[in-house]
Amino acid sequence: LYRVHVGRLEVFSFKGLLLDLEDGNLLKLGEDGTVLRASHGTRILTVEEILETYGKKRKWKHFKTINGTFARSGKYHFYDNYFDLPGALLCARVVDLLDQNRNVKKYEFWKDVIASIEYNYKASAFKAVYNNHPV
């Protein structure tokens, strides 16, 4: 029963996911920028949908600008380690909720979600709590 509410967790349980901030898709790319797998929110895209979205060669449009650098951008976010993978699932679920409640053309919640996740993983975020309640 929980899978109905959470989504297919196995899709979000590996490093190297890329969140396309423009269209709400989570992507797994090949080393040449080929879209190997994709989901919109937690809904897995079919091969036909991937071809329709990314073209016959299945290339992600921003790959050439990031190849080798993985610099931050307002267009994408990498989930490149196991610590921030829950953020990929959280963002996917937010896309699901937004799509369910209204027709969204542009997703603008990313900065807040990503900033809150990054804050929670900073050691300094726990320092005040620890200092006030040492073990």
C-alpha atoms as a PDB file:
ATOM      1  CA  LEU A   1       0.000   0.000   0.000  1.00  0.00           C
ATOM      2  CA  TYR A   2       2.793   2.460   0.788  1.00  0.00           C
ATOM      3  CA  ARG A   3       4.120   2.225  -2.804  1.00  0.00           C
ATOM      4  CA  VAL A   4       0.934   3.851  -4.053  1.00  0.00           C
ATOM      5  CA  HIS A   5       1.657   6.889  -1.907  1.00  0.00           C
ATOM      6  CA  VAL A   6       5.442   7.040  -2.072  1.00  0.00           C
ATOM      7  CA  GLY A   7       6.174   5.985  -5.630  1.00  0.00           C
ATOM      8  CA  ARG A   8       8.622   3.502  -7.040  1.00  0.00           C
ATOM      9  CA  LEU A   9      11.490   3.916  -4.603  1.00  0.00           C
ATOM     10  CA  GLU A  10      13.946   1.816  -6.602  1.00  0.00           C
ATOM     11  CA  VAL A  11      13.970   4.526  -9.273  1.00  0.00           C
ATOM     12  CA  PHE A  12      15.369   6.988  -6.744  1.00  0.00           C
ATOM     13  CA  SER A  13      17.839   4.752  -4.916  1.00  0.00           C
ATOM     14  CA  PHE A  14      21.061   5.312  -6.845  1.00  0.00           C
ATOM     15  CA  LYS A  15      23.570   8.146  -7.215  1.00  0.00           C
ATOM     16  CA  GLY A  16      23.895  10.258 -10.297  1.00  0.00           C
ATOM     17  CA  LEU A  17      20.342  11.467 -10.698  1.00  0.00           C
ATOM     18  CA  LEU A  18      19.900  14.846 -12.281  1.00  0.00           C
ATOM     19  CA  LEU A  19      16.904  17.013 -11.544  1.00  0.00           C
ATOM     20  CA  ASP A  20      15.916  19.128 -14.550  1.00  0.00           C
ATOM     21  CA  LEU A  21      14.566  22.206 -12.814  1.00  0.00           C
ATOM     22  CA  GLU A  22      12.816  23.501 -15.907  1.00  0.00           C
ATOM     23  CA  ASP A  23      10.428  20.630 -16.502  1.00  0.00           C
ATOM     24  CA  GLY A  24      10.288  18.636 -13.265  1.00  0.00           C
ATOM     25  CA  ASN A  25      11.992  15.558 -14.675  1.00  0.00           C
ATOM     26  CA  LEU A  26      14.518  13.376 -12.866  1.00  0.00           C
ATOM     27  CA  LEU A  27      17.069  11.929 -15.262  1.00  0.00           C
ATOM     28  CA  LYS A  28      19.699   9.228 -15.270  1.00  0.00           C
ATOM     29  CA  LEU A  29      22.213  10.136 -17.964  1.00  0.00           C
ATOM     30  CA  GLY A  30      24.814   8.105 -19.777  1.00  0.00           C
ATOM     31  CA  GLU A  31      28.379   9.409 -19.910  1.00  0.00           C
ATOM     32  CA  ASP A  32      27.607  11.044 -23.274  1.00  0.00           C
ATOM     33  CA  GLY A  33      24.454  12.845 -22.079  1.00  0.00           C
ATOM     34  CA  THR A  34      22.006  10.231 -23.327  1.00  0.00           C
ATOM     35  CA  VAL A  35      18.861  10.025 -21.211  1.00  0.00           C
ATOM     36  CA  LEU A  36      18.883   6.427 -19.980  1.00  0.00           C
ATOM     37  CA  ARG A  37      15.896   6.737 -17.646  1.00  0.00           C
ATOM     38  CA  ALA A  38      13.545   9.548 -16.764  1.00  0.00           C
ATOM     39  CA  SER A  39      10.577  10.287 -14.576  1.00  0.00           C
ATOM     40  CA  HIS A  40       8.257  13.239 -14.262  1.00  0.00           C
ATOM     41  CA  GLY A  41       7.761  13.430 -10.549  1.00  0.00           C
ATOM     42  CA  THR A  42       7.491   9.787  -9.518  1.00  0.00           C
ATOM     43  CA  ARG A  43       5.866   8.741 -12.800  1.00  0.00           C
ATOM     44  CA  ILE A  44       8.344   6.799 -14.935  1.00  0.00           C
ATOM     45  CA  LEU A  45       8.457   8.093 -18.499  1.00  0.00           C
ATOM     46  CA  THR A  46       7.999   5.541 -21.253  1.00  0.00           C
ATOM     47  CA  VAL A  47      10.558   5.185 -24.036  1.00  0.00           C
ATOM     48  CA  GLU A  48       8.096   6.996 -26.309  1.00  0.00           C
ATOM     49  CA  GLU A  49       7.793   9.912 -23.863  1.00  0.00           C
ATOM     50  CA  ILE A  50      11.580  10.122 -23.533  1.00  0.00           C
ATOM     51  CA  LEU A  51      11.927  10.222 -27.327  1.00  0.00           C
ATOM     52  CA  GLU A  52       9.196  12.867 -27.579  1.00  0.00           C
ATOM     53  CA  THR A  53      10.832  15.016 -24.893  1.00  0.00           C
ATOM     54  CA  TYR A  54      14.535  14.533 -25.671  1.00  0.00           C
ATOM     55  CA  GLY A  55      14.516  13.626 -29.358  1.00  0.00           C
ATOM     56  CA  LYS A  56      15.619  10.612 -31.357  1.00  0.00           C
ATOM     57  CA  LYS A  57      19.131  10.678 -29.861  1.00  0.00           C
ATOM     58  CA  ARG A  58      17.712  11.081 -26.322  1.00  0.00           C
ATOM     59  CA  LYS A  59      20.178  13.888 -25.490  1.00  0.00           C
ATOM     60  CA  TRP A  60      19.638  16.208 -22.537  1.00  0.00           C
ATOM     61  CA  LYS A  61      19.941  19.774 -23.850  1.00  0.00           C
ATOM     62  CA  HIS A  62      22.262  21.128 -21.127  1.00  0.00           C
ATOM     63  CA  PHE A  63      24.764  18.264 -21.113  1.00  0.00           C
ATOM     64  CA  LYS A  64      27.445  20.034 -23.168  1.00  0.00           C
ATOM     65  CA  THR A  65      27.484  22.968 -20.746  1.00  0.00           C
ATOM     66  CA  ILE A  66      28.093  20.753 -17.712  1.00  0.00           C
ATOM     67  CA  ASN A  67      30.138  17.868 -19.076  1.00  0.00           C
ATOM     68  CA  GLY A  68      33.016  17.409 -16.648  1.00  0.00           C
ATOM     69  CA  THR A  69      32.220  20.439 -14.475  1.00  0.00           C
ATOM     70  CA  PHE A  70      28.963  19.578 -12.702  1.00  0.00           C
ATOM     71  CA  ALA A  71      28.742  23.245 -11.708  1.00  0.00           C
ATOM     72  CA  ARG A  72      25.570  24.417 -10.011  1.00  0.00           C
ATOM     73  CA  SER A  73      22.914  26.046 -12.113  1.00  0.00           C
ATOM     74  CA  GLY A  74      19.367  27.304 -11.934  1.00  0.00           C
ATOM     75  CA  LYS A  75      18.504  24.751 -14.617  1.00  0.00           C
ATOM     76  CA  TYR A  76      19.504  21.511 -12.885  1.00  0.00           C
ATOM     77  CA  HIS A  77      20.613  19.907  -9.622  1.00  0.00           C
ATOM     78  CA  PHE A  78      22.741  16.779  -9.271  1.00  0.00           C
ATOM     79  CA  TYR A  79      22.013  14.151  -6.656  1.00  0.00           C
ATOM     80  CA  ASP A  80      25.518  12.743  -6.689  1.00  0.00           C
ATOM     81  CA  ASN A  81      25.778  11.083  -3.292  1.00  0.00           C
ATOM     82  CA  TYR A  82      23.698   8.863  -1.070  1.00  0.00           C
ATOM     83  CA  PHE A  83      23.160  11.541   1.585  1.00  0.00           C
ATOM     84  CA  ASP A  84      21.010  13.767  -0.584  1.00  0.00           C
ATOM     85  CA  LEU A  85      19.062  11.054  -2.417  1.00  0.00           C
ATOM     86  CA  PRO A  86      16.002  11.527  -0.178  1.00  0.00           C
ATOM     87  CA  GLY A  87      15.847  15.007  -1.691  1.00  0.00           C
ATOM     88  CA  ALA A  88      15.315  13.517  -5.155  1.00  0.00           C
ATOM     89  CA  LEU A  89      12.289  11.592  -3.930  1.00  0.00           C
ATOM     90  CA  LEU A  90      10.995  14.623  -2.036  1.00  0.00           C
ATOM     91  CA  CYS A  91      11.249  16.808  -5.139  1.00  0.00           C
ATOM     92  CA  ALA A  92       9.577  14.130  -7.256  1.00  0.00           C
ATOM     93  CA  ARG A  93       6.664  13.990  -4.823  1.00  0.00           C
ATOM     94  CA  VAL A  94       6.327  17.790  -4.853  1.00  0.00           C
ATOM     95  CA  VAL A  95       6.064  17.642  -8.661  1.00  0.00           C
ATOM     96  CA  ASP A  96       3.339  15.008  -8.285  1.00  0.00           C
ATOM     97  CA  LEU A  97       1.414  17.210  -5.859  1.00  0.00           C
ATOM     98  CA  LEU A  98       1.733  20.323  -8.016  1.00  0.00           C
ATOM     99  CA  ASP A  99       0.645  18.447 -11.131  1.00  0.00           C
ATOM    100  CA  GLN A 100      -2.289  16.949  -9.262  1.00  0.00           C
ATOM    101  CA  ASN A 101      -3.592  20.293  -8.043  1.00  0.00           C
ATOM    102  CA  ARG A 102      -2.929  22.574 -11.016  1.00  0.00           C
ATOM    103  CA  ASN A 103      -1.475  22.729 -14.491  1.00  0.00           C
ATOM    104  CA  VAL A 104       2.110  23.822 -13.838  1.00  0.00           C
ATOM    105  CA  LYS A 105       4.176  25.204 -16.704  1.00  0.00           C
ATOM    106  CA  LYS A 106       7.203  26.082 -14.606  1.00  0.00           C
ATOM    107  CA  TYR A 107       8.301  24.587 -11.310  1.00  0.00           C
ATOM    108  CA  GLU A 108       9.691  27.142  -8.868  1.00  0.00           C
ATOM    109  CA  PHE A 109       9.936  25.332  -5.535  1.00  0.00           C
ATOM    110  CA  TRP A 110      13.411  23.824  -6.130  1.00  0.00           C
ATOM    111  CA  LYS A 111      15.506  26.512  -4.485  1.00  0.00           C
ATOM    112  CA  ASP A 112      13.618  26.241  -1.214  1.00  0.00           C
ATOM    113  CA  VAL A 113      13.652  22.434  -1.105  1.00  0.00           C
ATOM    114  CA  ILE A 114      17.308  22.136  -2.087  1.00  0.00           C
ATOM    115  CA  ALA A 115      18.368  24.880   0.348  1.00  0.00           C
ATOM    116  CA  SER A 116      16.505  23.193   3.214  1.00  0.00           C
ATOM    117  CA  ILE A 117      18.079  19.816   2.457  1.00  0.00           C
ATOM    118  CA  GLU A 118      21.556  21.332   2.196  1.00  0.00           C
ATOM    119  CA  TYR A 119      21.007  23.156   5.500  1.00  0.00           C
ATOM    120  CA  ASN A 120      20.000  19.931   7.228  1.00  0.00           C
ATOM    121  CA  TYR A 121      23.208  18.219   6.152  1.00  0.00           C
ATOM    122  CA  LYS A 122      25.531  20.964   7.387  1.00  0.00           C
ATOM    123  CA  ALA A 123      27.281  20.042  10.612  1.00  0.00           C
ATOM    124  CA  SER A 124      26.820  23.621  11.799  1.00  0.00           C
ATOM    125  CA  ALA A 125      23.035  23.156  11.650  1.00  0.00           C
ATOM    126  CA  PHE A 126      23.310  20.637  14.488  1.00  0.00           C
ATOM    127  CA  LYS A 127      25.877  22.518  16.554  1.00  0.00           C
ATOM    128  CA  ALA A 128      23.427  24.747  18.437  1.00  0.00           C
ATOM    129  CA  VAL A 129      21.168  21.802  19.259  1.00  0.00           C
ATOM    130  CA  TYR A 130      24.118  19.737  20.479  1.00  0.00           C
ATOM    131  CA  ASN A 131      25.529  22.610  22.555  1.00  0.00           C
ATOM    132  CA  ASN A 132      22.159  23.092  24.256  1.00  0.00           C
ATOM    133  CA  HIS A 133      21.640  19.351  24.844  1.00  0.00           C
ATOM    134  CA  PRO A 134      25.005  17.583  25.101  1.00  0.00           C
ATOM    135  CA  VAL A 135      24.962  13.803  25.377  1.00  0.00           C
END
